[in-house]
Every structure is written in structure tokens, then in C-alpha cells.
Amino acid sequence: VVKDELATMLEDPQVSLKKIPILFLSNKMDLPAAATPAETMKALELEKITDRPWNIAPCDALKGEGVEEATKWLVDCMLKLQVEGR
């Protein structure tokens, strides 16, 4: 389902033309059965997204772990786009 929704989102003209970065929050990393970021990347075929920056941020939202770093990555990407005039 997520893979299909991602494909639909990337095909939307408002998204595809702007080349905005995509942040994936890989939550529940505290659980033993949680998929690793590499497993998530493979399952979603993220290596096929080559026209924009993307990042998978492992996190534990309940503890707040990884969320700040993920948000910083997204802010840094958006600031870079602003400087580049995109």
C-alpha cells in the first residue's frame, strides 16, 4: 500500500515538478521486528527515486529519538532549495 501511495504522490504534477525532498520516518525502531532503513529502502524501491533528495530516518517517536535529526535534515534540504532558487 505504501509503495503504491508513494508512486501516486510522485506522479502528481504538483509534486513531480517541484522536486521537493522526501523524508521517511522509520518509526518503532525500538521493536525487535522493526524493519531497518535498508529493508524499507529495498521494499519501497527508493533507489529508483533519483530526481530529488530523500532520507529514511530511524526513530522512536514516543521517546523522541531520531525525530530532531530527521527534521533537521528536511529543513537543511529545504533551505538548500531556497538558496538554489528552486
PDB file of N, CA and C in Angstrom:
ATOM      1  N   VAL A   1       0.822  -1.187   0.000  1.00  0.00           N
ATOM      2  CA  VAL A   1       0.000   0.000   0.000  1.00  0.00           C
ATOM      3  C   VAL A   1       0.872   1.259   0.000  1.00  0.00           C
ATOM      4  N   VAL A   2       1.876   1.297   0.865  1.00  0.00           N
ATOM      5  CA  VAL A   2       2.741   2.480   0.942  1.00  0.00           C
ATOM      6  C   VAL A   2       3.461   2.702  -0.380  1.00  0.00           C
ATOM      7  N   LYS A   3       3.937   1.633  -0.982  1.00  0.00           N
ATOM      8  CA  LYS A   3       4.650   1.742  -2.263  1.00  0.00           C
ATOM      9  C   LYS A   3       3.743   2.341  -3.336  1.00  0.00           C
ATOM     10  N   ASP A   4       2.481   1.894  -3.379  1.00  0.00           N
ATOM     11  CA  ASP A   4       1.530   2.427  -4.359  1.00  0.00           C
ATOM     12  C   ASP A   4       1.218   3.899  -4.091  1.00  0.00           C
ATOM     13  N   GLU A   5       1.034   4.248  -2.834  1.00  0.00           N
ATOM     14  CA  GLU A   5       0.753   5.644  -2.477  1.00  0.00           C
ATOM     15  C   GLU A   5       1.938   6.543  -2.813  1.00  0.00           C
ATOM     16  N   LEU A   6       3.141   6.053  -2.598  1.00  0.00           N
ATOM     17  CA  LEU A   6       4.339   6.822  -2.938  1.00  0.00           C
ATOM     18  C   LEU A   6       4.403   7.065  -4.443  1.00  0.00           C
ATOM     19  N   ALA A   7       4.142   6.033  -5.222  1.00  0.00           N
ATOM     20  CA  ALA A   7       4.145   6.177  -6.682  1.00  0.00           C
ATOM     21  C   ALA A   7       3.104   7.190  -7.131  1.00  0.00           C
ATOM     22  N   THR A   8       1.919   7.130  -6.562  1.00  0.00           N
ATOM     23  CA  THR A   8       0.856   8.087  -6.900  1.00  0.00           C
ATOM     24  C   THR A   8       1.286   9.507  -6.550  1.00  0.00           C
ATOM     25  N   MET A   9       1.871   9.669  -5.381  1.00  0.00           N
ATOM     26  CA  MET A   9       2.313  11.003  -4.957  1.00  0.00           C
ATOM     27  C   MET A   9       3.382  11.554  -5.909  1.00  0.00           C
ATOM     28  N   LEU A  10       4.339  10.709  -6.278  1.00  0.00           N
ATOM     29  CA  LEU A  10       5.421  11.173  -7.143  1.00  0.00           C
ATOM     30  C   LEU A  10       4.957  11.492  -8.559  1.00  0.00           C
ATOM     31  N   GLU A  11       3.831  10.911  -8.970  1.00  0.00           N
ATOM     32  CA  GLU A  11       3.283  11.191 -10.293  1.00  0.00           C
ATOM     33  C   GLU A  11       2.437  12.454 -10.326  1.00  0.00           C
ATOM     34  N   ASP A  12       2.035  12.946  -9.178  1.00  0.00           N
ATOM     35  CA  ASP A  12       1.217  14.155  -9.114  1.00  0.00           C
ATOM     36  C   ASP A  12       2.031  15.340  -9.632  1.00  0.00           C
ATOM     37  N   PRO A  13       1.496  16.126 -10.577  1.00  0.00           N
ATOM     38  CA  PRO A  13       2.243  17.246 -11.155  1.00  0.00           C
ATOM     39  C   PRO A  13       2.734  18.265 -10.120  1.00  0.00           C
ATOM     40  N   GLN A  14       1.951  18.496  -9.082  1.00  0.00           N
ATOM     41  CA  GLN A  14       2.379  19.466  -8.072  1.00  0.00           C
ATOM     42  C   GLN A  14       3.596  18.967  -7.299  1.00  0.00           C
ATOM     43  N   VAL A  15       3.785  17.677  -7.219  1.00  0.00           N
ATOM     44  CA  VAL A  15       4.932  17.105  -6.531  1.00  0.00           C
ATOM     45  C   VAL A  15       6.075  16.876  -7.509  1.00  0.00           C
ATOM     46  N   SER A  16       5.772  16.296  -8.650  1.00  0.00           N
ATOM     47  CA  SER A  16       6.826  15.910  -9.587  1.00  0.00           C
ATOM     48  C   SER A  16       7.587  17.110 -10.155  1.00  0.00           C
ATOM     49  N   LEU A  17       6.916  18.216 -10.342  1.00  0.00           N
ATOM     50  CA  LEU A  17       7.574  19.385 -10.929  1.00  0.00           C
ATOM     51  C   LEU A  17       8.440  20.150  -9.932  1.00  0.00           C
ATOM     52  N   LYS A  18       8.150  20.028  -8.653  1.00  0.00           N
ATOM     53  CA  LYS A  18       8.867  20.824  -7.655  1.00  0.00           C
ATOM     54  C   LYS A  18      10.120  20.156  -7.121  1.00  0.00           C
ATOM     55  N   LYS A  19      10.244  18.865  -7.281  1.00  0.00           N
ATOM     56  CA  LYS A  19      11.436  18.123  -6.849  1.00  0.00           C
ATOM     57  C   LYS A  19      11.752  18.339  -5.374  1.00  0.00           C
ATOM     58  N   ILE A  20      10.716  18.408  -4.573  1.00  0.00           N
ATOM     59  CA  ILE A  20      10.908  18.613  -3.141  1.00  0.00           C
ATOM     60  C   ILE A  20      11.458  17.346  -2.493  1.00  0.00           C
ATOM     61  N   PRO A  21      12.231  17.495  -1.426  1.00  0.00           N
ATOM     62  CA  PRO A  21      12.793  16.320  -0.751  1.00  0.00           C
ATOM     63  C   PRO A  21      11.701  15.514  -0.051  1.00  0.00           C
ATOM     64  N   ILE A  22      11.995  14.236   0.147  1.00  0.00           N
ATOM     65  CA  ILE A  22      11.054  13.351   0.822  1.00  0.00           C
ATOM     66  C   ILE A  22      11.741  12.766   2.051  1.00  0.00           C
ATOM     67  N   LEU A  23      11.070  12.874   3.168  1.00  0.00           N
ATOM     68  CA  LEU A  23      11.569  12.312   4.420  1.00  0.00           C
ATOM     69  C   LEU A  23      10.664  11.161   4.840  1.00  0.00           C
ATOM     70  N   PHE A  24      11.260  10.007   5.038  1.00  0.00           N
ATOM     71  CA  PHE A  24      10.553   8.836   5.537  1.00  0.00           C
ATOM     72  C   PHE A  24      10.967   8.635   6.990  1.00  0.00           C
ATOM     73  N   LEU A  25       9.999   8.592   7.880  1.00  0.00           N
ATOM     74  CA  LEU A  25      10.283   8.305   9.283  1.00  0.00           C
ATOM     75  C   LEU A  25      10.044   6.821   9.518  1.00  0.00           C
ATOM     76  N   SER A  26      11.111   6.125   9.823  1.00  0.00           N
ATOM     77  CA  SER A  26      11.041   4.692  10.088  1.00  0.00           C
ATOM     78  C   SER A  26      10.851   4.522  11.589  1.00  0.00           C
ATOM     79  N   ASN A  27       9.600   4.577  12.001  1.00  0.00           N
ATOM     80  CA  ASN A  27       9.251   4.581  13.417  1.00  0.00           C
ATOM     81  C   ASN A  27       9.295   3.162  13.995  1.00  0.00           C
ATOM     82  N   LYS A  28       9.163   3.093  15.292  1.00  0.00           N
ATOM     83  CA  LYS A  28       9.111   1.830  16.044  1.00  0.00           C
ATOM     84  C   LYS A  28      10.450   1.094  16.040  1.00  0.00           C
ATOM     85  N   MET A  29      11.538   1.829  15.903  1.00  0.00           N
ATOM     86  CA  MET A  29      12.853   1.194  15.851  1.00  0.00           C
ATOM     87  C   MET A  29      13.227   0.521  17.168  1.00  0.00           C
ATOM     88  N   ASP A  30      12.450   0.764  18.207  1.00  0.00           N
ATOM     89  CA  ASP A  30      12.698   0.111  19.493  1.00  0.00           C
ATOM     90  C   ASP A  30      12.173  -1.322  19.522  1.00  0.00           C
ATOM     91  N   LEU A  31      11.370  -1.700  18.533  1.00  0.00           N
ATOM     92  CA  LEU A  31      10.796  -3.037  18.498  1.00  0.00           C
ATOM     93  C   LEU A  31      11.716  -4.007  17.753  1.00  0.00           C
ATOM     94  N   PRO A  32      11.865  -5.219  18.262  1.00  0.00           N
ATOM     95  CA  PRO A  32      12.771  -6.188  17.626  1.00  0.00           C
ATOM     96  C   PRO A  32      12.412  -6.513  16.177  1.00  0.00           C
ATOM     97  N   ALA A  33      11.145  -6.493  15.845  1.00  0.00           N
ATOM     98  CA  ALA A  33      10.719  -6.860  14.493  1.00  0.00           C
ATOM     99  C   ALA A  33      10.687  -5.671  13.525  1.00  0.00           C
ATOM    100  N   ALA A  34      11.129  -4.523  13.967  1.00  0.00           N
ATOM    101  CA  ALA A  34      11.087  -3.332  13.101  1.00  0.00           C
ATOM    102  C   ALA A  34      12.004  -3.515  11.888  1.00  0.00           C
ATOM    103  N   ALA A  35      11.515  -3.084  10.744  1.00  0.00           N
ATOM    104  CA  ALA A  35      12.330  -3.127   9.534  1.00  0.00           C
ATOM    105  C   ALA A  35      13.443  -2.093   9.639  1.00  0.00           C
ATOM    106  N   THR A  36      14.609  -2.449   9.170  1.00  0.00           N
ATOM    107  CA  THR A  36      15.716  -1.499   9.158  1.00  0.00           C
ATOM    108  C   THR A  36      15.490  -0.499   8.023  1.00  0.00           C
ATOM    109  N   PRO A  37      16.163   0.658   8.077  1.00  0.00           N
ATOM    110  CA  PRO A  37      16.050   1.584   6.948  1.00  0.00           C
ATOM    111  C   PRO A  37      16.432   0.936   5.618  1.00  0.00           C
ATOM    112  N   ALA A  38      17.425   0.071   5.614  1.00  0.00           N
ATOM    113  CA  ALA A  38      17.826  -0.599   4.368  1.00  0.00           C
ATOM    114  C   ALA A  38      16.719  -1.515   3.848  1.00  0.00           C
ATOM    115  N   GLU A  39      16.050  -2.212   4.746  1.00  0.00           N
ATOM    116  CA  GLU A  39      14.936  -3.073   4.339  1.00  0.00           C
ATOM    117  C   GLU A  39      13.783  -2.240   3.789  1.00  0.00           C
ATOM    118  N   THR A  40      13.523  -1.119   4.412  1.00  0.00           N
ATOM    119  CA  THR A  40      12.469  -0.222   3.942  1.00  0.00           C
ATOM    120  C   THR A  40      12.809   0.327   2.566  1.00  0.00           C
ATOM    121  N   MET A  41      14.062   0.729   2.389  1.00  0.00           N
ATOM    122  CA  MET A  41      14.508   1.252   1.097  1.00  0.00           C
ATOM    123  C   MET A  41      14.290   0.218  -0.006  1.00  0.00           C
ATOM    124  N   LYS A  42      14.658  -1.013   0.278  1.00  0.00           N
ATOM    125  CA  LYS A  42      14.504  -2.076  -0.722  1.00  0.00           C
ATOM    126  C   LYS A  42      13.022  -2.347  -1.009  1.00  0.00           C
ATOM    127  N   ALA A  43      12.203  -2.427   0.043  1.00  0.00           N
ATOM    128  CA  ALA A  43      10.782  -2.724  -0.136  1.00  0.00           C
ATOM    129  C   ALA A  43      10.058  -1.648  -0.943  1.00  0.00           C
ATOM    130  N   LEU A  44      10.452  -0.389  -0.732  1.00  0.00           N
ATOM    131  CA  LEU A  44       9.803   0.722  -1.435  1.00  0.00           C
ATOM    132  C   LEU A  44      10.506   1.091  -2.740  1.00  0.00           C
ATOM    133  N   GLU A  45      11.616   0.392  -3.028  1.00  0.00           N
ATOM    134  CA  GLU A  45      12.412   0.665  -4.233  1.00  0.00           C
ATOM    135  C   GLU A  45      12.818   2.129  -4.317  1.00  0.00           C
ATOM    136  N   LEU A  46      13.290   2.650  -3.190  1.00  0.00           N
ATOM    137  CA  LEU A  46      13.640   4.073  -3.131  1.00  0.00           C
ATOM    138  C   LEU A  46      14.845   4.429  -3.990  1.00  0.00           C
ATOM    139  N   GLU A  47      15.659   3.445  -4.308  1.00  0.00           N
ATOM    140  CA  GLU A  47      16.816   3.725  -5.165  1.00  0.00           C
ATOM    141  C   GLU A  47      16.390   4.220  -6.547  1.00  0.00           C
ATOM    142  N   LYS A  48      15.133   3.993  -6.892  1.00  0.00           N
ATOM    143  CA  LYS A  48      14.608   4.474  -8.179  1.00  0.00           C
ATOM    144  C   LYS A  48      14.279   5.966  -8.145  1.00  0.00           C
ATOM    145  N   ILE A  49      14.224   6.544  -6.963  1.00  0.00           N
ATOM    146  CA  ILE A  49      13.963   7.987  -6.850  1.00  0.00           C
ATOM    147  C   ILE A  49      15.296   8.705  -6.970  1.00  0.00           C
ATOM    148  N   THR A  50      15.554   9.230  -8.151  1.00  0.00           N
ATOM    149  CA  THR A  50      16.849   9.868  -8.414  1.00  0.00           C
ATOM    150  C   THR A  50      16.725  11.353  -8.729  1.00  0.00           C
ATOM    151  N   ASP A  51      15.493  11.866  -8.761  1.00  0.00           N
ATOM    152  CA  ASP A  51      15.300  13.255  -9.168  1.00  0.00           C
ATOM    153  C   ASP A  51      15.144  14.221  -7.993  1.00  0.00           C
ATOM    154  N   ARG A  52      15.306  13.727  -6.776  1.00  0.00           N
ATOM    155  CA  ARG A  52      15.146  14.564  -5.589  1.00  0.00           C
ATOM    156  C   ARG A  52      15.842  13.889  -4.421  1.00  0.00           C
ATOM    157  N   PRO A  53      16.228  14.664  -3.407  1.00  0.00           N
ATOM    158  CA  PRO A  53      16.808  14.031  -2.219  1.00  0.00           C
ATOM    159  C   PRO A  53      15.731  13.327  -1.396  1.00  0.00           C
ATOM    160  N   TRP A  54      16.115  12.236  -0.792  1.00  0.00           N
ATOM    161  CA  TRP A  54      15.230  11.532   0.129  1.00  0.00           C
ATOM    162  C   TRP A  54      16.074  10.947   1.247  1.00  0.00           C
ATOM    163  N   ASN A  55      15.432  10.684   2.359  1.00  0.00           N
ATOM    164  CA  ASN A  55      16.142  10.159   3.519  1.00  0.00           C
ATOM    165  C   ASN A  55      15.189   9.287   4.326  1.00  0.00           C
ATOM    166  N   ILE A  56      15.714   8.186   4.839  1.00  0.00           N
ATOM    167  CA  ILE A  56      14.971   7.355   5.784  1.00  0.00           C
ATOM    168  C   ILE A  56      15.597   7.593   7.144  1.00  0.00           C
ATOM    169  N   ALA A  57      14.803   8.094   8.057  1.00  0.00           N
ATOM    170  CA  ALA A  57      15.300   8.403   9.392  1.00  0.00           C
ATOM    171  C   ALA A  57      14.727   7.403  10.390  1.00  0.00           C
ATOM    172  N   PRO A  58      15.588   6.562  10.963  1.00  0.00           N
ATOM    173  CA  PRO A  58      15.095   5.666  12.003  1.00  0.00           C
ATOM    174  C   PRO A  58      14.729   6.471  13.242  1.00  0.00           C
ATOM    175  N   CYS A  59      13.609   6.143  13.859  1.00  0.00           N
ATOM    176  CA  CYS A  59      13.207   6.915  15.030  1.00  0.00           C
ATOM    177  C   CYS A  59      12.327   6.092  15.961  1.00  0.00           C
ATOM    178  N   ASP A  60      12.178   6.627  17.134  1.00  0.00           N
ATOM    179  CA  ASP A  60      11.241   6.122  18.139  1.00  0.00           C
ATOM    180  C   ASP A  60      10.475   7.363  18.590  1.00  0.00           C
ATOM    181  N   ALA A  61       9.327   7.582  17.997  1.00  0.00           N
ATOM    182  CA  ALA A  61       8.583   8.816  18.232  1.00  0.00           C
ATOM    183  C   ALA A  61       8.159   8.979  19.691  1.00  0.00           C
ATOM    184  N   LEU A  62       7.840   7.895  20.354  1.00  0.00           N
ATOM    185  CA  LEU A  62       7.419   8.006  21.755  1.00  0.00           C
ATOM    186  C   LEU A  62       8.537   8.545  22.638  1.00  0.00           C
ATOM    187  N   LYS A  63       9.759   8.159  22.344  1.00  0.00           N
ATOM    188  CA  LYS A  63      10.907   8.633  23.114  1.00  0.00           C
ATOM    189  C   LYS A  63      11.518   9.897  22.505  1.00  0.00           C
ATOM    190  N   GLY A  64      11.081  10.238  21.303  1.00  0.00           N
ATOM    191  CA  GLY A  64      11.620  11.419  20.632  1.00  0.00           C
ATOM    192  C   GLY A  64      12.969  11.180  19.988  1.00  0.00           C
ATOM    193  N   GLU A  65      13.385   9.938  19.901  1.00  0.00           N
ATOM    194  CA  GLU A  65      14.699   9.622  19.342  1.00  0.00           C
ATOM    195  C   GLU A  65      14.656   9.647  17.819  1.00  0.00           C
ATOM    196  N   GLY A  66      15.573  10.381  17.217  1.00  0.00           N
ATOM    197  CA  GLY A  66      15.695  10.447  15.773  1.00  0.00           C
ATOM    198  C   GLY A  66      14.817  11.492  15.113  1.00  0.00           C
ATOM    199  N   VAL A  67      13.825  11.987  15.801  1.00  0.00           N
ATOM    200  CA  VAL A  67      12.884  12.933  15.202  1.00  0.00           C
ATOM    201  C   VAL A  67      13.561  14.273  14.925  1.00  0.00           C
ATOM    202  N   GLU A  68      14.335  14.777  15.868  1.00  0.00           N
ATOM    203  CA  GLU A  68      15.004  16.063  15.680  1.00  0.00           C
ATOM    204  C   GLU A  68      16.004  16.000  14.530  1.00  0.00           C
ATOM    205  N   GLU A  69      16.760  14.926  14.459  1.00  0.00           N
ATOM    206  CA  GLU A  69      17.738  14.780  13.374  1.00  0.00           C
ATOM    207  C   GLU A  69      17.036  14.717  12.019  1.00  0.00           C
ATOM    208  N   ALA A  70      15.914  14.015  11.979  1.00  0.00           N
ATOM    209  CA  ALA A  70      15.154  13.903  10.734  1.00  0.00           C
ATOM    210  C   ALA A  70      14.613  15.258  10.293  1.00  0.00           C
ATOM    211  N   THR A  71      14.069  15.979  11.239  1.00  0.00           N
ATOM    212  CA  THR A  71      13.533  17.312  10.940  1.00  0.00           C
ATOM    213  C   THR A  71      14.640  18.247  10.474  1.00  0.00           C
ATOM    214  N   LYS A  72      15.801  18.158  11.089  1.00  0.00           N
ATOM    215  CA  LYS A  72      16.939  18.990  10.683  1.00  0.00           C
ATOM    216  C   LYS A  72      17.347  18.677   9.248  1.00  0.00           C
ATOM    217  N   TRP A  73      17.365  17.400   8.882  1.00  0.00           N
ATOM    218  CA  TRP A  73      17.702  17.026   7.511  1.00  0.00           C
ATOM    219  C   TRP A  73      16.742  17.688   6.530  1.00  0.00           C
ATOM    220  N   LEU A  74      15.443  17.621   6.839  1.00  0.00           N
ATOM    221  CA  LEU A  74      14.441  18.197   5.943  1.00  0.00           C
ATOM    222  C   LEU A  74      14.584  19.710   5.847  1.00  0.00           C
ATOM    223  N   VAL A  75      14.788  20.376   6.968  1.00  0.00           N
ATOM    224  CA  VAL A  75      14.977  21.830   6.963  1.00  0.00           C
ATOM    225  C   VAL A  75      16.208  22.198   6.148  1.00  0.00           C
ATOM    226  N   ASP A  76      17.307  21.477   6.342  1.00  0.00           N
ATOM    227  CA  ASP A  76      18.531  21.756   5.580  1.00  0.00           C
ATOM    228  C   ASP A  76      18.304  21.603   4.082  1.00  0.00           C
ATOM    229  N   CYS A  77      17.569  20.569   3.695  1.00  0.00           N
ATOM    230  CA  CYS A  77      17.265  20.372   2.268  1.00  0.00           C
ATOM    231  C   CYS A  77      16.414  21.500   1.712  1.00  0.00           C
ATOM    232  N   MET A  78      15.416  21.914   2.473  1.00  0.00           N
ATOM    233  CA  MET A  78      14.542  22.990   2.005  1.00  0.00           C
ATOM    234  C   MET A  78      15.296  24.316   1.909  1.00  0.00           C
ATOM    235  N   LEU A  79      16.173  24.579   2.858  1.00  0.00           N
ATOM    236  CA  LEU A  79      16.979  25.796   2.794  1.00  0.00           C
ATOM    237  C   LEU A  79      17.897  25.782   1.579  1.00  0.00           C
ATOM    238  N   LYS A  80      18.473  24.621   1.283  1.00  0.00           N
ATOM    239  CA  LYS A  80      19.331  24.497   0.094  1.00  0.00           C
ATOM    240  C   LYS A  80      18.544  24.765  -1.178  1.00  0.00           C
ATOM    241  N   LEU A  81      17.328  24.240  -1.256  1.00  0.00           N
ATOM    242  CA  LEU A  81      16.478  24.500  -2.418  1.00  0.00           C
ATOM    243  C   LEU A  81      16.152  25.988  -2.545  1.00  0.00           C
ATOM    244  N   GLN A  82      15.911  26.626  -1.405  1.00  0.00           N
ATOM    245  CA  GLN A  82      15.597  28.050  -1.417  1.00  0.00           C
ATOM    246  C   GLN A  82      16.781  28.861  -1.929  1.00  0.00           C
ATOM    247  N   VAL A  83      17.973  28.518  -1.483  1.00  0.00           N
ATOM    248  CA  VAL A  83      19.183  29.210  -1.925  1.00  0.00           C
ATOM    249  C   VAL A  83      19.405  29.006  -3.415  1.00  0.00           C
ATOM    250  N   GLU A  84      19.125  27.774  -3.880  1.00  0.00           N
ATOM    251  CA  GLU A  84      19.291  27.455  -5.311  1.00  0.00           C
ATOM    252  C   GLU A  84      18.179  28.049  -6.163  1.00  0.00           C
ATOM    253  N   GLY A  85      17.140  28.570  -5.519  1.00  0.00           N
ATOM    254  CA  GLY A  85      16.046  29.200  -6.251  1.00  0.00           C
ATOM    255  C   GLY A  85      15.068  28.235  -6.870  1.00  0.00           C
ATOM    256  N   ARG A  86      14.953  27.041  -6.327  1.00  0.00           N
ATOM    257  CA  ARG A  86      14.008  26.061  -6.883  1.00  0.00           C
ATOM    258  C   ARG A  86      12.662  26.203  -6.287  1.00  0.00           C
TER     259      ARG A  86
END
